[in-house]
């Protein structure tokens, strides 16, 4: 067995959702980010409502495609 001191993994997955009803503010923020191709940052004050909605309504178990990228691995050797 090996010990890992630090492991950083970037996870990317796609989820398809349909027939949704969202608050007006969430809709406007999602539409704006889609139009300009920006990523919804959960710590951005510009998109707080949409980031919270996405966090609450999208889960890894819903994913259609998923990939993991190991960005850092420090072992004890």
N, C-alpha and C. Protein backbone atom coordinates (compact mmCIF):
# COMPACT_ATOMS: atom_id res chain seq x y z
N UNK A 1 0.85 -1.17 0.00
CA UNK A 1 0.00 0.00 0.00
C UNK A 1 0.90 1.24 0.00
N UNK A 2 0.53 2.25 -0.76
CA UNK A 2 1.28 3.51 -0.86
C UNK A 2 0.50 4.62 -0.17
N UNK A 3 1.22 5.61 0.36
CA UNK A 3 0.59 6.76 1.00
C UNK A 3 0.78 7.98 0.10
N UNK A 4 -0.29 8.72 -0.11
CA UNK A 4 -0.26 9.96 -0.89
C UNK A 4 -0.43 11.12 0.07
N UNK A 5 0.50 12.06 0.04
CA UNK A 5 0.43 13.24 0.90
C UNK A 5 -0.60 14.24 0.40
N UNK A 6 -0.65 14.41 -0.92
CA UNK A 6 -1.54 15.41 -1.49
C UNK A 6 -1.99 14.94 -2.87
N UNK A 7 -3.28 14.97 -3.11
CA UNK A 7 -3.85 14.60 -4.41
C UNK A 7 -4.85 15.66 -4.81
N UNK A 8 -4.64 16.25 -5.98
CA UNK A 8 -5.57 17.24 -6.52
C UNK A 8 -6.13 16.69 -7.83
N UNK A 9 -7.46 16.65 -7.93
CA UNK A 9 -8.13 16.10 -9.11
C UNK A 9 -9.11 17.14 -9.64
N UNK A 10 -9.02 17.41 -10.93
CA UNK A 10 -9.99 18.28 -11.59
C UNK A 10 -11.04 17.37 -12.22
N UNK A 11 -12.30 17.56 -11.84
CA UNK A 11 -13.40 16.75 -12.34
C UNK A 11 -14.26 17.58 -13.28
N UNK A 12 -14.51 17.05 -14.46
CA UNK A 12 -15.36 17.72 -15.43
C UNK A 12 -16.46 16.74 -15.83
N UNK A 13 -17.72 17.19 -15.76
CA UNK A 13 -18.80 16.33 -16.21
C UNK A 13 -19.91 17.15 -16.84
N UNK A 14 -20.68 16.48 -17.68
CA UNK A 14 -21.80 17.13 -18.38
C UNK A 14 -23.11 16.55 -17.89
N UNK A 15 -24.08 17.43 -17.72
CA UNK A 15 -25.41 17.03 -17.27
C UNK A 15 -26.43 17.69 -18.19
N UNK A 16 -27.40 16.93 -18.65
CA UNK A 16 -28.49 17.48 -19.44
C UNK A 16 -29.73 17.62 -18.58
N UNK A 17 -30.31 18.80 -18.54
CA UNK A 17 -31.52 19.05 -17.77
C UNK A 17 -32.60 19.56 -18.72
N UNK A 18 -33.85 19.32 -18.40
CA UNK A 18 -34.92 19.80 -19.27
C UNK A 18 -36.18 20.11 -18.50
N UNK A 19 -37.06 20.87 -19.15
CA UNK A 19 -38.36 21.24 -18.59
C UNK A 19 -38.20 21.82 -17.18
N UNK A 20 -37.40 22.89 -17.09
CA UNK A 20 -37.07 23.50 -15.80
C UNK A 20 -37.85 24.77 -15.56
N UNK A 21 -38.13 25.05 -14.32
CA UNK A 21 -38.68 26.32 -13.92
C UNK A 21 -37.72 26.92 -12.90
N UNK A 22 -37.17 28.09 -13.22
CA UNK A 22 -36.17 28.73 -12.35
C UNK A 22 -36.62 30.16 -12.06
N UNK A 23 -36.15 30.73 -10.97
CA UNK A 23 -36.45 32.14 -10.67
C UNK A 23 -35.91 33.06 -11.77
N UNK A 24 -36.54 34.21 -11.94
CA UNK A 24 -36.15 35.16 -12.99
C UNK A 24 -34.67 35.54 -12.90
N UNK A 25 -34.18 35.80 -11.70
CA UNK A 25 -32.77 36.21 -11.51
C UNK A 25 -31.83 35.10 -11.97
N UNK A 26 -32.14 33.86 -11.62
CA UNK A 26 -31.32 32.72 -12.04
C UNK A 26 -31.33 32.62 -13.56
N UNK A 27 -32.50 32.75 -14.17
CA UNK A 27 -32.60 32.67 -15.63
C UNK A 27 -31.73 33.73 -16.30
N UNK A 28 -31.82 34.96 -15.83
CA UNK A 28 -31.04 36.05 -16.44
C UNK A 28 -29.54 35.80 -16.31
N UNK A 29 -29.10 35.33 -15.14
CA UNK A 29 -27.68 35.05 -14.95
C UNK A 29 -27.22 33.89 -15.82
N UNK A 30 -28.01 32.82 -15.90
CA UNK A 30 -27.65 31.69 -16.75
C UNK A 30 -27.60 32.10 -18.22
N UNK A 31 -28.59 32.89 -18.64
CA UNK A 31 -28.64 33.34 -20.04
C UNK A 31 -27.41 34.19 -20.36
N UNK A 32 -27.06 35.10 -19.46
CA UNK A 32 -25.90 35.98 -19.68
C UNK A 32 -24.61 35.18 -19.80
N UNK A 33 -24.43 34.22 -18.90
CA UNK A 33 -23.20 33.43 -18.96
C UNK A 33 -23.16 32.56 -20.21
N UNK A 34 -24.30 32.06 -20.66
CA UNK A 34 -24.34 31.26 -21.89
C UNK A 34 -24.01 32.12 -23.11
N UNK A 35 -24.52 33.34 -23.14
CA UNK A 35 -24.29 34.22 -24.29
C UNK A 35 -22.84 34.66 -24.41
N UNK A 36 -22.17 34.90 -23.29
CA UNK A 36 -20.79 35.38 -23.36
C UNK A 36 -19.78 34.24 -23.17
N UNK A 37 -20.28 33.04 -22.93
CA UNK A 37 -19.40 31.89 -22.79
C UNK A 37 -18.58 31.90 -21.52
N UNK A 38 -19.08 32.56 -20.51
CA UNK A 38 -18.35 32.66 -19.24
C UNK A 38 -18.70 31.47 -18.35
N UNK A 39 -17.80 31.13 -17.48
CA UNK A 39 -18.02 30.06 -16.51
C UNK A 39 -18.69 30.67 -15.28
N UNK A 40 -19.69 29.98 -14.74
CA UNK A 40 -20.33 30.44 -13.51
C UNK A 40 -19.42 30.09 -12.35
N UNK A 41 -18.88 31.10 -11.73
CA UNK A 41 -17.95 30.94 -10.61
C UNK A 41 -18.74 31.02 -9.32
N UNK A 42 -18.71 29.98 -8.49
CA UNK A 42 -19.51 30.00 -7.27
C UNK A 42 -19.15 31.09 -6.27
N UNK A 43 -17.98 31.69 -6.39
CA UNK A 43 -17.61 32.75 -5.46
C UNK A 43 -17.78 34.15 -6.07
N UNK A 44 -18.25 34.21 -7.31
CA UNK A 44 -18.46 35.50 -7.97
C UNK A 44 -19.75 36.13 -7.46
N UNK A 45 -19.66 37.39 -7.10
CA UNK A 45 -20.87 38.09 -6.63
C UNK A 45 -21.80 38.44 -7.79
N UNK A 46 -21.31 38.34 -9.02
CA UNK A 46 -22.15 38.64 -10.19
C UNK A 46 -23.18 37.55 -10.45
N UNK A 47 -22.87 36.31 -10.08
CA UNK A 47 -23.73 35.18 -10.43
C UNK A 47 -24.09 34.34 -9.21
N UNK A 48 -24.27 34.96 -8.08
CA UNK A 48 -24.52 34.23 -6.84
C UNK A 48 -25.75 33.34 -6.93
N UNK A 49 -26.85 33.86 -7.43
CA UNK A 49 -28.10 33.10 -7.47
C UNK A 49 -27.98 31.90 -8.40
N UNK A 50 -27.40 32.11 -9.59
CA UNK A 50 -27.29 30.99 -10.53
C UNK A 50 -26.29 29.95 -10.03
N UNK A 51 -25.21 30.38 -9.40
CA UNK A 51 -24.24 29.43 -8.86
C UNK A 51 -24.89 28.58 -7.76
N UNK A 52 -25.68 29.20 -6.90
CA UNK A 52 -26.37 28.45 -5.85
C UNK A 52 -27.38 27.48 -6.45
N UNK A 53 -28.11 27.92 -7.47
CA UNK A 53 -29.09 27.06 -8.12
C UNK A 53 -28.41 25.85 -8.76
N UNK A 54 -27.31 26.10 -9.48
CA UNK A 54 -26.57 25.00 -10.11
C UNK A 54 -26.04 24.04 -9.06
N UNK A 55 -25.47 24.56 -7.99
CA UNK A 55 -24.94 23.71 -6.92
C UNK A 55 -26.03 22.83 -6.30
N UNK A 56 -27.21 23.40 -6.13
CA UNK A 56 -28.31 22.68 -5.49
C UNK A 56 -29.01 21.69 -6.42
N UNK A 57 -28.89 21.86 -7.73
CA UNK A 57 -29.67 21.06 -8.68
C UNK A 57 -28.87 20.15 -9.59
N UNK A 58 -27.55 20.23 -9.55
CA UNK A 58 -26.73 19.36 -10.40
C UNK A 58 -25.81 18.55 -9.50
N UNK A 59 -25.82 17.23 -9.72
CA UNK A 59 -25.05 16.32 -8.90
C UNK A 59 -24.29 15.34 -9.79
N UNK A 60 -23.17 14.86 -9.31
CA UNK A 60 -22.34 13.94 -10.08
C UNK A 60 -23.13 12.72 -10.53
N UNK A 61 -24.06 12.26 -9.73
CA UNK A 61 -24.86 11.09 -10.10
C UNK A 61 -25.72 11.33 -11.35
N UNK A 62 -25.93 12.61 -11.72
CA UNK A 62 -26.73 12.95 -12.90
C UNK A 62 -25.90 13.01 -14.18
N UNK A 63 -24.59 12.82 -14.08
CA UNK A 63 -23.72 13.11 -15.22
C UNK A 63 -23.90 12.11 -16.36
N UNK A 64 -23.68 12.64 -17.58
CA UNK A 64 -23.72 11.82 -18.80
C UNK A 64 -22.30 11.48 -19.23
N UNK A 65 -21.40 12.41 -19.09
CA UNK A 65 -19.98 12.22 -19.42
C UNK A 65 -19.17 12.73 -18.24
N UNK A 66 -18.12 12.01 -17.91
CA UNK A 66 -17.31 12.42 -16.77
C UNK A 66 -15.85 12.11 -17.05
N UNK A 67 -14.97 13.03 -16.64
CA UNK A 67 -13.54 12.76 -16.75
C UNK A 67 -12.82 13.36 -15.56
N UNK A 68 -11.73 12.73 -15.18
CA UNK A 68 -10.91 13.18 -14.07
C UNK A 68 -9.51 13.45 -14.56
N UNK A 69 -8.95 14.57 -14.17
CA UNK A 69 -7.58 14.92 -14.51
C UNK A 69 -6.80 15.06 -13.21
N UNK A 70 -5.75 14.26 -13.07
CA UNK A 70 -4.90 14.36 -11.90
C UNK A 70 -3.96 15.53 -12.13
N UNK A 71 -4.11 16.59 -11.34
CA UNK A 71 -3.30 17.79 -11.55
C UNK A 71 -2.11 17.84 -10.59
N UNK A 72 -2.17 17.06 -9.51
CA UNK A 72 -1.05 17.04 -8.57
C UNK A 72 -1.11 15.75 -7.76
N UNK A 73 0.04 15.12 -7.61
CA UNK A 73 0.13 13.93 -6.77
C UNK A 73 1.51 13.96 -6.12
N UNK A 74 1.52 14.12 -4.81
CA UNK A 74 2.76 14.09 -4.03
C UNK A 74 2.72 12.85 -3.15
N UNK A 75 3.71 12.00 -3.34
CA UNK A 75 3.79 10.83 -2.48
C UNK A 75 4.89 11.01 -1.44
N UNK A 76 5.06 10.03 -0.61
CA UNK A 76 6.03 10.14 0.47
C UNK A 76 7.37 9.52 0.12
N UNK A 77 7.62 9.16 -1.13
CA UNK A 77 8.90 8.55 -1.48
C UNK A 77 9.96 9.58 -1.81
